Amino acid sequence: MWKFTRCKACRSFSVVNGCSEGREFIHNLKQGYYKQISVLTGAGLSTDAGIPDYRSPDTGLYSILEKEYGMKSPTDIFQLSIFYRNPQLFYGYLKKINFDMFHPTLSHYFIGFLEAKGILCVNFTQNIDGLELRAGISREKLVTAHGDVTRAHCPSCDKEYDIEELKRKAMNDQIMYCDTCPDVPIKPRIVFFGEMLPDEFHEKSSLLSEKSDCGLIIGTSLQVAPFNGLPILYPTITQLVVINNEPLDHIPRTSASSLYYKGNCDSIVQEIIKECEWEKDFNDFRESIDS
């Protein structure tokens, strides 16, 4: 059974079992009442694809790095100052984690499907794996808040480089350097500690307050700033739907219509597709992207 959260006068989410507001959301989605759906996504989508998250004990990326390299502070691998001094540390990680071997999940394709239907306003994601692009989501609609591994650049002059060449260098235990900036190593265009978020994160955040009429928050507990500040940009009239294993009680919210679907992202998204009677169109879209 689906579990919904509705928020009226309070400023936080609270769980209830089944409600008319949930049925109304499905009805409005199915009938095309929402014209500008925005989506905020996080690690839940990546872990469903088999990619380790960062902070889970034993299986999280930071735990793996701590064991692999004996690092007391595994986040150091994403420190820009340390990358300059010892790029081999990050290149070793890049060699170990081959993002090309992972595939988009049903939830990724669902967001791409929304774009194909012409109702996707924007997709903000915290993930760096680039699986959104392989699920039919265009660069125009995608904001990778923490960057992604599908592009490479010089962190000093910002010159673009071939990501495939960077991967080849990493696989051969070689460091790729900028041909303009002396001794500056090339890295994927992901945001390290010590770097600013991409301009588009700030530029497109206004879409949430000015354009979006429905916001989906999928697979994220919204623990990391400034990404966790995005939900408060929605006007009170915007329909907000959370799909996650745990509620977001720590996120302030003043909305007349907020819903919480508790559980696995793909399972719930699949149920939404079914309730909207979109199965055939969705499967056709997915096959077209994969072919």
Protein backbone atom coordinates (compact mmCIF):
# COMPACT_ATOMS: atom_id res chain seq x y z
CA MET A 1 0.00 0.00 0.00
CA TRP A 2 1.24 3.47 -0.81
CA LYS A 3 1.90 5.79 2.08
CA PHE A 4 1.30 9.48 1.62
CA THR A 5 2.33 12.57 3.49
CA ARG A 6 0.15 15.60 3.50
CA CYS A 7 1.09 18.93 5.04
CA LYS A 8 -1.55 21.56 5.81
CA ALA A 9 -0.72 24.18 8.40
CA CYS A 10 2.43 22.47 9.69
CA ARG A 11 5.86 23.03 8.19
CA SER A 12 7.02 19.41 8.02
CA PHE A 13 6.05 16.07 6.50
CA SER A 14 3.99 13.49 8.41
CA VAL A 15 3.05 9.99 7.26
CA VAL A 16 -0.55 8.86 6.75
CA ASN A 17 -1.91 5.79 4.98
CA GLY A 18 -3.77 6.54 1.77
CA CYS A 19 -5.68 9.75 1.10
CA SER A 20 -7.83 11.52 -1.44
CA GLU A 21 -4.94 13.90 -2.14
CA GLY A 22 -2.92 10.97 -3.50
CA ARG A 23 -5.73 9.96 -5.81
CA GLU A 24 -6.08 13.57 -6.92
CA PHE A 25 -2.37 13.74 -7.76
CA ILE A 26 -2.58 10.63 -9.95
CA HIS A 27 -5.72 11.99 -11.62
CA ASN A 28 -4.08 15.34 -12.35
CA LEU A 29 -0.92 13.67 -13.65
CA LYS A 30 -2.87 11.31 -15.88
CA GLN A 31 -5.10 14.06 -17.27
CA GLY A 32 -2.17 16.34 -18.07
CA TYR A 33 -3.02 19.09 -15.61
CA TYR A 34 0.65 19.49 -14.71
CA LYS A 35 2.47 21.29 -17.52
CA GLN A 36 5.82 22.05 -15.85
CA ILE A 37 7.02 19.19 -13.64
CA SER A 38 10.34 19.69 -11.89
CA VAL A 39 12.30 16.77 -10.46
CA LEU A 40 14.94 16.73 -7.68
CA THR A 41 16.92 13.49 -7.56
CA GLY A 42 19.64 11.97 -5.41
CA ALA A 43 21.62 8.87 -4.54
CA GLY A 44 18.55 6.62 -4.37
CA LEU A 45 18.48 6.49 -8.17
CA SER A 46 22.19 5.69 -8.40
CA THR A 47 22.11 2.96 -5.76
CA ASP A 48 19.19 1.32 -7.58
CA ALA A 49 21.55 1.20 -10.58
CA GLY A 50 24.19 -0.56 -8.46
CA ILE A 51 26.43 2.46 -7.82
CA PRO A 52 27.63 2.76 -4.19
CA ASP A 53 26.42 5.77 -2.27
CA TYR A 54 28.87 7.86 -0.28
CA ARG A 55 28.08 7.39 3.39
CA SER A 56 26.62 3.91 3.99
CA PRO A 57 28.69 1.87 6.49
CA ASP A 58 30.79 -0.89 4.89
CA THR A 59 29.32 -0.49 1.38
CA GLY A 60 29.47 3.30 0.92
CA LEU A 61 32.16 4.91 -1.22
CA TYR A 62 33.81 6.65 1.73
CA SER A 63 33.97 3.35 3.64
CA ILE A 64 35.51 1.62 0.60
CA LEU A 65 38.09 4.38 0.17
CA GLU A 66 38.96 4.27 3.86
CA LYS A 67 39.69 0.54 3.59
CA GLU A 68 41.39 0.74 0.18
CA TYR A 69 43.73 3.63 0.93
CA GLY A 70 43.74 3.68 4.74
CA MET A 71 42.39 7.22 4.63
CA LYS A 72 41.32 8.74 7.94
CA SER A 73 39.30 11.31 5.97
CA PRO A 74 38.12 9.66 2.73
CA THR A 75 36.48 12.89 1.59
CA ASP A 76 40.05 14.10 0.92
CA ILE A 77 39.89 12.34 -2.43
CA PHE A 78 37.50 15.08 -3.54
CA GLN A 79 39.50 17.98 -2.07
CA LEU A 80 40.75 20.23 -4.86
CA SER A 81 43.94 21.19 -3.00
CA ILE A 82 44.84 17.52 -2.49
CA PHE A 83 44.01 16.75 -6.12
CA TYR A 84 46.56 19.32 -7.24
CA ARG A 85 49.24 17.79 -4.99
CA ASN A 86 48.40 14.14 -5.56
CA PRO A 87 46.17 13.59 -8.62
CA GLN A 88 47.01 9.87 -8.66
CA LEU A 89 44.74 9.40 -5.65
CA PHE A 90 41.66 10.49 -7.57
CA TYR A 91 42.80 8.84 -10.80
CA GLY A 92 43.00 5.57 -8.88
CA TYR A 93 39.39 6.04 -7.81
CA LEU A 94 38.41 6.81 -11.41
CA LYS A 95 40.09 3.60 -12.53
CA LYS A 96 38.28 1.60 -9.87
CA ILE A 97 34.78 2.98 -10.46
CA ASN A 98 33.82 2.49 -14.11
CA PHE A 99 30.55 4.39 -14.50
CA ASP A 100 30.12 3.06 -18.05
CA MET A 101 29.19 -0.36 -16.67
CA PHE A 102 26.05 0.96 -14.96
CA HIS A 103 22.69 1.49 -16.63
CA PRO A 104 19.79 3.90 -16.03
CA THR A 105 16.98 2.77 -13.75
CA LEU A 106 13.25 2.87 -14.38
CA SER A 107 13.12 6.14 -12.45
CA HIS A 108 15.71 7.70 -14.77
CA TYR A 109 13.66 6.66 -17.80
CA PHE A 110 10.50 8.01 -16.17
CA ILE A 111 12.02 11.49 -16.01
CA GLY A 112 13.11 11.18 -19.64
CA PHE A 113 9.56 10.07 -20.45
CA LEU A 114 8.19 13.22 -18.83
CA GLU A 115 10.45 15.28 -21.09
CA ALA A 116 9.28 13.32 -24.15
CA LYS A 117 5.69 14.15 -23.14
CA GLY A 118 6.67 17.83 -23.04
CA ILE A 119 5.91 18.30 -19.35
CA LEU A 120 9.41 18.27 -17.78
CA CYS A 121 10.44 21.70 -16.55
CA VAL A 122 13.85 20.77 -15.14
CA ASN A 123 15.69 17.91 -13.41
CA PHE A 124 18.09 18.91 -10.64
CA THR A 125 20.29 15.99 -9.61
CA GLN A 126 22.98 15.48 -6.98
CA ASN A 127 24.34 12.46 -8.85
CA ILE A 128 27.53 12.61 -10.91
CA ASP A 129 27.16 9.37 -12.90
CA GLY A 130 25.47 10.92 -15.93
CA LEU A 131 22.84 8.18 -16.19
CA GLU A 132 20.17 10.82 -16.80
CA LEU A 133 21.63 11.57 -20.23
CA ARG A 134 21.45 7.90 -21.18
CA ALA A 135 17.77 7.79 -20.17
CA GLY A 136 16.62 10.42 -22.64
CA ILE A 137 16.96 13.52 -20.46
CA SER A 138 18.51 16.37 -22.43
CA ARG A 139 21.31 18.62 -21.23
CA GLU A 140 18.89 21.51 -21.62
CA LYS A 141 16.58 20.09 -18.96
CA LEU A 142 19.29 18.65 -16.69
CA VAL A 143 21.14 20.47 -13.90
CA THR A 144 23.95 18.36 -12.44
CA ALA A 145 24.42 20.28 -9.20
CA HIS A 146 27.66 18.46 -8.39
CA GLY A 147 28.80 18.09 -11.99
CA ASP A 148 29.09 14.78 -13.83
CA VAL A 149 31.65 12.34 -15.19
CA THR A 150 30.63 12.66 -18.84
CA ARG A 151 32.86 15.70 -19.39
CA ALA A 152 36.40 16.72 -18.47
CA HIS A 153 38.06 20.08 -17.92
CA CYS A 154 41.04 21.91 -16.47
CA PRO A 155 40.09 23.11 -12.98
CA SER A 156 42.27 26.17 -13.47
CA CYS A 157 41.42 27.59 -16.92
CA ASP A 158 38.22 25.53 -17.46
CA LYS A 159 39.33 24.33 -20.91
CA GLU A 160 37.30 21.32 -22.08
CA TYR A 161 39.03 17.98 -22.63
CA ASP A 162 38.01 14.59 -23.98
CA ILE A 163 36.63 12.50 -21.11
CA GLU A 164 37.43 9.27 -22.97
CA GLU A 165 41.08 10.23 -23.19
CA LEU A 166 41.06 10.98 -19.47
CA LYS A 167 39.61 7.51 -18.78
CA ARG A 168 42.28 5.88 -20.92
CA LYS A 169 44.99 7.73 -19.01
CA ALA A 170 43.51 6.65 -15.69
CA MET A 171 43.28 3.01 -16.78
CA ASN A 172 46.99 3.13 -17.73
CA ASP A 173 47.98 4.78 -14.41
CA GLN A 174 48.86 8.01 -16.20
CA ILE A 175 47.97 11.59 -15.33
CA MET A 176 46.48 13.88 -17.95
CA TYR A 177 47.66 17.49 -17.73
CA CYS A 178 46.38 20.74 -19.19
CA ASP A 179 48.32 21.90 -22.24
CA THR A 180 47.75 25.53 -21.23
CA CYS A 181 48.24 25.52 -17.45
CA PRO A 182 51.61 24.07 -16.37
CA ASP A 183 51.33 21.05 -14.07
CA VAL A 184 47.55 21.30 -13.62
CA PRO A 185 45.91 17.84 -13.87
CA ILE A 186 42.66 17.35 -15.80
CA LYS A 187 39.64 16.03 -13.96
CA PRO A 188 36.02 15.16 -14.78
CA ARG A 189 33.67 18.12 -14.56
CA ILE A 190 32.48 17.20 -11.08
CA VAL A 191 32.41 19.61 -8.16
CA PHE A 192 35.23 19.04 -5.67
CA PHE A 193 35.32 20.49 -2.18
CA GLY A 194 36.77 23.95 -2.69
CA GLU A 195 34.92 24.53 -5.98
CA MET A 196 31.76 26.50 -6.68
CA LEU A 197 28.60 24.82 -7.91
CA PRO A 198 27.92 25.36 -11.63
CA ASP A 199 26.27 28.65 -12.56
CA GLU A 200 23.23 26.86 -13.97
CA PHE A 201 22.35 25.58 -10.49
CA HIS A 202 21.69 29.13 -9.34
CA GLU A 203 20.37 30.39 -12.67
CA LYS A 204 17.75 27.64 -13.10
CA SER A 205 16.64 27.42 -9.48
CA SER A 206 14.21 30.23 -10.25
CA LEU A 207 12.26 27.74 -12.40
CA LEU A 208 11.03 26.12 -9.19
CA SER A 209 9.50 29.33 -7.88
CA GLU A 210 8.39 30.90 -11.16
CA LYS A 211 7.41 28.08 -13.51
CA SER A 212 7.01 24.62 -11.96
CA ASP A 213 3.48 23.51 -11.05
CA CYS A 214 4.50 20.11 -9.65
CA GLY A 215 7.69 19.06 -7.89
CA LEU A 216 8.87 15.45 -7.58
CA ILE A 217 11.62 14.67 -5.05
CA ILE A 218 12.96 11.19 -5.80
CA GLY A 219 15.60 9.18 -3.97
CA THR A 220 17.16 11.86 -1.82
CA SER A 221 17.06 12.66 1.89
CA LEU A 222 18.18 16.22 1.15
CA GLN A 223 21.01 16.31 3.68
CA VAL A 224 23.53 18.33 1.65
CA ALA A 225 23.46 22.11 1.22
CA PRO A 226 22.71 24.06 -0.87
CA PHE A 227 20.73 21.37 -2.74
CA ASN A 228 18.54 20.81 0.31
CA GLY A 229 17.35 24.40 0.06
CA LEU A 230 15.63 23.87 -3.29
CA PRO A 231 12.23 22.66 -1.94
CA ILE A 232 11.61 25.88 -0.04
CA LEU A 233 11.62 27.74 -3.37
CA TYR A 234 8.31 26.17 -4.41
CA PRO A 235 5.24 28.37 -3.98
CA THR A 236 2.57 27.06 -1.59
CA ILE A 237 0.26 26.26 -4.51
CA THR A 238 2.76 23.84 -6.08
CA GLN A 239 1.98 20.11 -5.74
CA LEU A 240 4.98 18.46 -4.06
CA VAL A 241 5.57 14.70 -4.07
CA VAL A 242 8.36 12.88 -2.22
CA ILE A 243 9.41 9.36 -3.25
CA ASN A 244 11.97 8.09 -0.76
CA ASN A 245 12.65 5.46 1.89
CA GLU A 246 12.39 8.05 4.64
CA PRO A 247 10.43 11.27 5.10
CA LEU A 248 11.98 14.73 4.99
CA ASP A 249 10.95 16.03 8.39
CA HIS A 250 13.96 18.36 8.54
CA ILE A 251 12.95 20.28 5.41
CA PRO A 252 10.64 23.27 6.04
CA ARG A 253 7.56 23.15 3.86
CA THR A 254 4.41 25.30 3.73
CA SER A 255 2.20 23.68 1.13
CA ALA A 256 -1.47 22.95 0.80
CA SER A 257 -0.65 19.74 -1.06
CA SER A 258 2.39 17.61 -0.16
CA LEU A 259 2.53 13.83 -0.56
CA TYR A 260 5.02 11.21 0.62
CA TYR A 261 5.43 7.84 -1.11
CA LYS A 262 7.51 5.61 1.15
CA GLY A 263 9.65 2.89 -0.44
CA ASN A 264 11.90 1.96 -3.33
CA CYS A 265 12.01 4.59 -6.08
CA ASP A 266 11.57 2.24 -9.03
CA SER A 267 8.74 0.29 -7.41
CA ILE A 268 6.74 3.42 -6.65
CA VAL A 269 7.43 5.06 -10.01
CA GLN A 270 6.31 1.86 -11.74
CA GLU A 271 3.07 1.99 -9.75
CA ILE A 272 2.54 5.62 -10.76
CA ILE A 273 3.04 4.69 -14.42
CA LYS A 274 0.53 1.88 -14.03
CA GLU A 275 -2.07 4.07 -12.30
CA CYS A 276 -1.73 6.66 -15.08
CA GLU A 277 -2.17 3.89 -17.68
CA TRP A 278 1.09 4.90 -19.31
CA GLU A 279 2.70 1.44 -19.49
CA LYS A 280 2.65 1.04 -23.28
CA ASP A 281 3.81 4.58 -24.04
CA PHE A 282 6.50 4.34 -21.39
CA ASN A 283 7.80 0.98 -22.65
CA ASP A 284 7.83 2.28 -26.23
CA PHE A 285 9.81 5.32 -25.10
CA ARG A 286 12.29 3.20 -23.19
CA GLU A 287 12.83 0.89 -26.15
CA SER A 288 13.40 3.88 -28.43
CA ILE A 289 16.10 5.23 -26.11
CA ASP A 290 17.84 1.87 -25.74
CA SER A 291 17.75 0.99 -29.45
